Amino acid sequence: MEVRKRLKTLGPVLIPREFVFMDRAAIGLGAAFLHLRAELNFAQMFSESIEGFTTEALAQRQAEAVAKVGL
C-alpha cells in the first residue's frame, strides 16, 4: 500500500510541540552561526562523538545505573 493512502486511513500525523520548539531553536542557532561565520564541520564532530558506540555498551551502562539506584 502506498504511504500516502495509508496515512489517509490512519488520520493526520500529529507533530509533538517539542519538535516544533527544537526545530525553531535549530533554525535560530543556524542563523546565529551564519552571522558569526562559524566554520565548524558538525558532521565530522557528530561522527567523532559516536565513534565506538555500541548498543551493547549502552545497555550495560544503563543496567549498571539502574542497579546503582536500586530500581
Protein backbone atom coordinates (compact mmCIF):
# COMPACT_ATOMS: atom_id res chain seq x y z
CA MET A 1 0.00 0.00 0.00
CA GLU A 2 1.23 3.45 -0.84
CA VAL A 3 2.36 5.56 2.14
CA ARG A 4 0.06 8.47 1.31
CA LYS A 5 -3.04 6.24 1.16
CA ARG A 6 -2.09 4.51 4.41
CA LEU A 7 -1.66 7.87 6.18
CA LYS A 8 -5.10 8.97 4.96
CA THR A 9 -6.69 5.87 6.51
CA LEU A 10 -4.90 6.45 9.83
CA GLY A 11 -5.73 10.14 10.06
CA PRO A 12 -3.49 13.18 10.47
CA VAL A 13 0.06 12.93 11.76
CA LEU A 14 0.39 14.94 14.96
CA ILE A 15 3.74 16.62 15.50
CA PRO A 16 4.78 16.97 19.15
CA ARG A 17 5.15 20.53 20.45
CA GLU A 18 8.73 19.72 21.46
CA PHE A 19 9.62 19.04 17.83
CA VAL A 20 8.41 22.48 16.78
CA PHE A 21 10.44 24.09 19.58
CA MET A 22 13.60 22.17 18.70
CA ASP A 23 13.16 22.91 15.00
CA ARG A 24 12.86 26.64 15.67
CA ALA A 25 15.84 26.53 18.02
CA ALA A 26 17.93 24.79 15.36
CA ILE A 27 16.98 27.41 12.78
CA GLY A 28 17.83 30.21 15.22
CA LEU A 29 21.19 28.67 16.09
CA GLY A 30 21.92 28.14 12.42
CA ALA A 31 21.22 31.82 11.73
CA ALA A 32 23.48 32.87 14.63
CA PHE A 33 26.31 30.63 13.40
CA LEU A 34 25.95 32.03 9.89
CA HIS A 35 26.10 35.56 11.28
CA LEU A 36 29.24 34.68 13.22
CA ARG A 37 30.70 32.99 10.12
CA ALA A 38 31.26 29.77 12.02
CA GLU A 39 33.13 27.16 10.02
CA LEU A 40 32.90 24.02 12.14
CA ASN A 41 32.27 20.69 10.46
CA PHE A 42 29.33 19.43 12.51
CA ALA A 43 29.04 16.22 10.51
CA GLN A 44 32.64 15.37 11.42
CA MET A 45 32.08 16.31 15.07
CA PHE A 46 28.99 14.08 15.20
CA SER A 47 30.85 11.17 13.60
CA GLU A 48 33.64 11.52 16.14
CA SER A 49 31.18 11.65 19.05
CA ILE A 50 29.52 8.35 18.08
CA GLU A 51 32.74 6.58 17.18
CA GLY A 52 32.92 3.27 19.01
CA PHE A 53 29.27 3.41 20.09
CA THR A 54 27.54 0.06 20.57
CA THR A 55 24.05 -0.70 21.81
CA GLU A 56 25.52 -3.45 23.98
CA ALA A 57 27.75 -1.00 25.85
CA LEU A 58 24.81 1.37 26.26
CA ALA A 59 22.63 -1.42 27.64
CA GLN A 60 25.41 -2.35 30.09
CA ARG A 61 25.78 1.26 31.34
CA GLN A 62 22.01 1.59 31.72
CA ALA A 63 21.78 -1.68 33.66
CA GLU A 64 24.56 -0.53 35.97
CA ALA A 65 22.87 2.82 36.54
CA VAL A 66 19.52 1.18 37.31
CA ALA A 67 21.16 -1.27 39.71
CA LYS A 68 23.07 1.56 41.41
CA VAL A 69 19.89 3.46 42.27
CA GLY A 70 18.05 0.29 43.25
CA LEU A 71 15.35 0.16 40.61
